[in-house]
N, C-alpha and C. Protein backbone atom coordinates (compact mmCIF):
# COMPACT_ATOMS: atom_id res chain seq x y z
N MET A 1 42.68 -22.63 -24.81
CA MET A 1 41.27 -22.69 -25.07
C MET A 1 40.57 -21.61 -24.25
N ALA A 2 39.71 -20.82 -24.90
CA ALA A 2 39.01 -19.73 -24.23
C ALA A 2 37.82 -20.27 -23.45
N PRO A 3 37.56 -19.67 -22.29
CA PRO A 3 36.40 -20.13 -21.52
C PRO A 3 35.10 -19.84 -22.27
N SER A 4 34.12 -20.68 -22.06
CA SER A 4 32.84 -20.49 -22.73
C SER A 4 32.13 -19.26 -22.17
N ALA A 5 31.17 -18.74 -22.94
CA ALA A 5 30.46 -17.52 -22.55
C ALA A 5 29.69 -17.72 -21.26
N SER A 6 29.13 -18.90 -21.07
CA SER A 6 28.36 -19.13 -19.84
C SER A 6 29.25 -19.15 -18.62
N LYS A 7 30.49 -19.66 -18.76
CA LYS A 7 31.41 -19.68 -17.63
C LYS A 7 32.02 -18.32 -17.39
N ALA A 8 32.14 -17.53 -18.45
CA ALA A 8 32.77 -16.22 -18.32
C ALA A 8 31.90 -15.25 -17.54
N LYS A 9 30.59 -15.41 -17.68
CA LYS A 9 29.68 -14.52 -16.95
C LYS A 9 29.60 -14.96 -15.50
N LYS A 10 29.66 -14.02 -14.62
CA LYS A 10 29.48 -14.34 -13.22
C LYS A 10 27.99 -14.42 -12.94
N SER A 11 27.63 -15.37 -12.12
CA SER A 11 26.21 -15.47 -11.77
C SER A 11 25.86 -14.34 -10.82
N LYS A 12 24.68 -13.80 -11.01
CA LYS A 12 24.21 -12.69 -10.19
C LYS A 12 23.11 -13.20 -9.27
N ARG A 13 23.32 -13.07 -7.99
CA ARG A 13 22.28 -13.46 -7.05
C ARG A 13 21.19 -12.40 -7.04
N THR A 14 19.98 -12.83 -6.74
CA THR A 14 18.84 -11.90 -6.71
C THR A 14 19.05 -10.87 -5.61
N GLY A 15 18.94 -9.61 -5.98
CA GLY A 15 19.00 -8.54 -5.00
C GLY A 15 20.38 -8.04 -4.67
N ASP A 16 21.43 -8.50 -5.37
CA ASP A 16 22.79 -8.05 -5.05
C ASP A 16 22.96 -6.55 -5.23
N SER A 17 22.47 -6.01 -6.33
CA SER A 17 22.70 -4.60 -6.61
C SER A 17 21.45 -3.75 -6.42
N GLU A 18 20.43 -4.33 -5.84
CA GLU A 18 19.18 -3.59 -5.67
C GLU A 18 18.96 -3.26 -4.21
N SER A 19 18.28 -2.17 -3.97
CA SER A 19 17.99 -1.79 -2.60
C SER A 19 16.94 -2.73 -2.02
N PRO A 20 16.87 -2.84 -0.69
CA PRO A 20 15.95 -3.79 -0.06
C PRO A 20 14.48 -3.52 -0.39
N GLY A 21 14.09 -2.29 -0.62
CA GLY A 21 12.70 -1.98 -0.88
C GLY A 21 12.30 -2.00 -2.33
N SER A 22 13.24 -2.30 -3.23
CA SER A 22 12.92 -2.26 -4.65
C SER A 22 12.25 -3.55 -5.10
N LYS A 23 11.53 -3.44 -6.21
CA LYS A 23 10.87 -4.61 -6.77
C LYS A 23 11.77 -5.24 -7.82
N ASN A 24 11.68 -6.52 -7.95
CA ASN A 24 12.29 -7.20 -9.08
C ASN A 24 11.37 -8.33 -9.50
N SER A 25 11.73 -9.04 -10.56
CA SER A 25 10.83 -10.04 -11.10
C SER A 25 10.67 -11.25 -10.19
N ASP A 26 11.69 -11.56 -9.39
CA ASP A 26 11.63 -12.74 -8.54
C ASP A 26 11.00 -12.47 -7.19
N ASN A 27 11.16 -11.28 -6.69
CA ASN A 27 10.72 -11.00 -5.33
C ASN A 27 10.08 -9.62 -5.28
N THR A 28 8.84 -9.55 -4.89
CA THR A 28 8.16 -8.27 -4.75
C THR A 28 8.19 -7.88 -3.28
N ALA A 29 8.82 -6.76 -3.00
CA ALA A 29 8.93 -6.29 -1.63
C ALA A 29 7.61 -5.64 -1.22
N ASN A 30 6.97 -6.19 -0.22
CA ASN A 30 5.72 -5.63 0.28
C ASN A 30 6.01 -4.74 1.48
N ARG A 31 5.10 -3.82 1.71
CA ARG A 31 5.22 -2.97 2.89
C ARG A 31 4.82 -3.76 4.12
N PRO A 32 5.32 -3.38 5.29
CA PRO A 32 4.90 -4.05 6.52
C PRO A 32 3.43 -3.74 6.83
N TRP A 33 2.75 -4.68 7.49
CA TRP A 33 1.35 -4.49 7.82
C TRP A 33 1.14 -3.27 8.73
N ALA A 34 2.01 -3.08 9.71
CA ALA A 34 1.83 -1.97 10.66
C ALA A 34 1.85 -0.63 9.94
N LYS A 35 2.77 -0.46 9.02
CA LYS A 35 2.87 0.79 8.28
C LYS A 35 1.65 0.98 7.37
N SER A 36 1.20 -0.08 6.73
CA SER A 36 0.03 0.00 5.85
C SER A 36 -1.23 0.35 6.64
N ILE A 37 -1.39 -0.29 7.79
CA ILE A 37 -2.58 -0.03 8.62
C ILE A 37 -2.54 1.39 9.16
N PHE A 38 -1.37 1.85 9.59
CA PHE A 38 -1.26 3.21 10.11
C PHE A 38 -1.68 4.24 9.07
N TRP A 39 -1.11 4.16 7.86
CA TRP A 39 -1.44 5.16 6.83
C TRP A 39 -2.87 5.03 6.33
N SER A 40 -3.42 3.83 6.36
CA SER A 40 -4.82 3.66 5.99
C SER A 40 -5.73 4.31 7.02
N ALA A 41 -5.38 4.16 8.30
CA ALA A 41 -6.17 4.78 9.36
C ALA A 41 -6.10 6.30 9.27
N VAL A 42 -4.92 6.84 9.02
CA VAL A 42 -4.77 8.29 8.87
C VAL A 42 -5.59 8.80 7.68
N THR A 43 -5.50 8.10 6.56
CA THR A 43 -6.25 8.50 5.36
C THR A 43 -7.75 8.47 5.61
N MET A 44 -8.24 7.40 6.23
CA MET A 44 -9.68 7.29 6.49
C MET A 44 -10.14 8.35 7.50
N ALA A 45 -9.32 8.66 8.48
CA ALA A 45 -9.68 9.71 9.44
C ALA A 45 -9.83 11.06 8.75
N VAL A 46 -8.91 11.37 7.85
CA VAL A 46 -8.98 12.64 7.11
C VAL A 46 -10.22 12.67 6.22
N VAL A 47 -10.48 11.58 5.51
CA VAL A 47 -11.65 11.53 4.62
C VAL A 47 -12.95 11.64 5.41
N LEU A 48 -13.05 10.90 6.51
CA LEU A 48 -14.28 10.97 7.31
C LEU A 48 -14.46 12.33 7.97
N PHE A 49 -13.36 12.93 8.43
CA PHE A 49 -13.45 14.28 9.01
C PHE A 49 -13.95 15.27 7.97
N ALA A 50 -13.42 15.18 6.76
CA ALA A 50 -13.85 16.08 5.69
C ALA A 50 -15.33 15.86 5.36
N ALA A 51 -15.76 14.61 5.31
CA ALA A 51 -17.16 14.31 5.01
C ALA A 51 -18.09 14.87 6.08
N VAL A 52 -17.73 14.70 7.33
CA VAL A 52 -18.56 15.22 8.43
C VAL A 52 -18.58 16.74 8.40
N ALA A 53 -17.43 17.36 8.20
CA ALA A 53 -17.36 18.83 8.17
C ALA A 53 -18.20 19.41 7.05
N VAL A 54 -18.12 18.83 5.88
CA VAL A 54 -18.90 19.32 4.74
C VAL A 54 -20.39 19.13 4.99
N ASN A 55 -20.77 17.98 5.51
CA ASN A 55 -22.18 17.72 5.77
C ASN A 55 -22.74 18.68 6.83
N VAL A 56 -21.96 18.99 7.84
CA VAL A 56 -22.41 19.95 8.86
C VAL A 56 -22.54 21.35 8.25
N LEU A 57 -21.58 21.73 7.42
CA LEU A 57 -21.61 23.06 6.80
C LEU A 57 -22.80 23.25 5.87
N ILE A 58 -23.20 22.20 5.18
CA ILE A 58 -24.33 22.34 4.25
C ILE A 58 -25.65 21.96 4.90
N GLY A 59 -25.61 21.60 6.18
CA GLY A 59 -26.85 21.36 6.91
C GLY A 59 -27.49 20.00 6.67
N ARG A 60 -26.74 19.05 6.26
CA ARG A 60 -27.29 17.71 6.03
C ARG A 60 -27.02 16.82 7.22
N VAL A 61 -27.84 15.80 7.35
CA VAL A 61 -27.66 14.82 8.42
C VAL A 61 -26.99 13.59 7.82
N ILE A 62 -25.96 13.12 8.51
CA ILE A 62 -25.23 11.94 8.03
C ILE A 62 -25.89 10.69 8.60
N HIS A 63 -26.07 9.71 7.78
CA HIS A 63 -26.55 8.41 8.23
C HIS A 63 -25.33 7.61 8.66
N TRP A 64 -25.14 7.48 9.98
CA TRP A 64 -23.91 6.93 10.52
C TRP A 64 -23.70 5.46 10.18
N GLU A 65 -24.79 4.72 9.91
CA GLU A 65 -24.63 3.32 9.53
C GLU A 65 -23.89 3.21 8.19
N ILE A 66 -24.23 4.10 7.26
CA ILE A 66 -23.59 4.10 5.96
C ILE A 66 -22.13 4.54 6.09
N VAL A 67 -21.90 5.58 6.88
CA VAL A 67 -20.54 6.08 7.07
C VAL A 67 -19.67 5.00 7.73
N THR A 68 -20.22 4.29 8.71
CA THR A 68 -19.47 3.24 9.38
C THR A 68 -19.12 2.12 8.41
N GLY A 69 -20.09 1.68 7.64
CA GLY A 69 -19.84 0.60 6.67
C GLY A 69 -18.82 0.98 5.62
N LEU A 70 -18.99 2.17 5.05
CA LEU A 70 -18.05 2.61 4.02
C LEU A 70 -16.66 2.89 4.60
N GLY A 71 -16.62 3.38 5.82
CA GLY A 71 -15.33 3.64 6.48
C GLY A 71 -14.56 2.35 6.72
N ILE A 72 -15.26 1.31 7.17
CA ILE A 72 -14.61 0.02 7.41
C ILE A 72 -14.12 -0.58 6.10
N LEU A 73 -14.97 -0.57 5.08
CA LEU A 73 -14.56 -1.11 3.78
C LEU A 73 -13.38 -0.33 3.20
N GLY A 74 -13.45 0.99 3.29
CA GLY A 74 -12.35 1.81 2.79
C GLY A 74 -11.05 1.52 3.51
N PHE A 75 -11.14 1.37 4.84
CA PHE A 75 -9.95 1.06 5.63
C PHE A 75 -9.35 -0.29 5.22
N LEU A 76 -10.19 -1.30 5.06
CA LEU A 76 -9.69 -2.62 4.66
C LEU A 76 -9.05 -2.60 3.28
N PHE A 77 -9.73 -1.98 2.31
CA PHE A 77 -9.18 -1.93 0.97
C PHE A 77 -7.89 -1.11 0.91
N LEU A 78 -7.83 -0.01 1.64
CA LEU A 78 -6.60 0.78 1.67
C LEU A 78 -5.45 0.01 2.33
N SER A 79 -5.75 -0.69 3.41
CA SER A 79 -4.71 -1.45 4.11
C SER A 79 -4.11 -2.53 3.21
N VAL A 80 -4.97 -3.30 2.58
CA VAL A 80 -4.49 -4.38 1.71
C VAL A 80 -3.80 -3.80 0.47
N GLY A 81 -4.39 -2.75 -0.09
CA GLY A 81 -3.80 -2.14 -1.28
C GLY A 81 -2.43 -1.54 -1.02
N ARG A 82 -2.26 -0.90 0.13
CA ARG A 82 -0.95 -0.34 0.46
C ARG A 82 0.05 -1.44 0.80
N ARG A 83 -0.41 -2.49 1.45
CA ARG A 83 0.47 -3.60 1.79
C ARG A 83 1.09 -4.23 0.56
N TYR A 84 0.27 -4.47 -0.45
CA TYR A 84 0.75 -5.13 -1.67
C TYR A 84 1.10 -4.14 -2.78
N ARG A 85 1.26 -2.86 -2.41
CA ARG A 85 1.72 -1.81 -3.31
C ARG A 85 0.87 -1.64 -4.57
N THR A 86 -0.45 -1.81 -4.42
CA THR A 86 -1.33 -1.52 -5.56
C THR A 86 -1.90 -0.13 -5.46
N ILE A 87 -1.76 0.49 -4.28
CA ILE A 87 -2.24 1.86 -4.09
C ILE A 87 -1.06 2.72 -3.68
């Protein structure tokens, strides 16, 4: 008697042939918080530096309250977005 098709197939555990950082349907690998926060801080520093440099070059005055608020929001959204791999 031949073994049934379900017994003939070997069961595959989740992640056996996949790298640790890859995504699959059962488990979504997220980035570590420290790495996400670091790259978000670097990105926001570059963006804010560019904004300040351009504003100084064109002779405009920056309203620091707005820059602070947008910088904090940008940092938070980038951190969470990078953590959960949406950005």
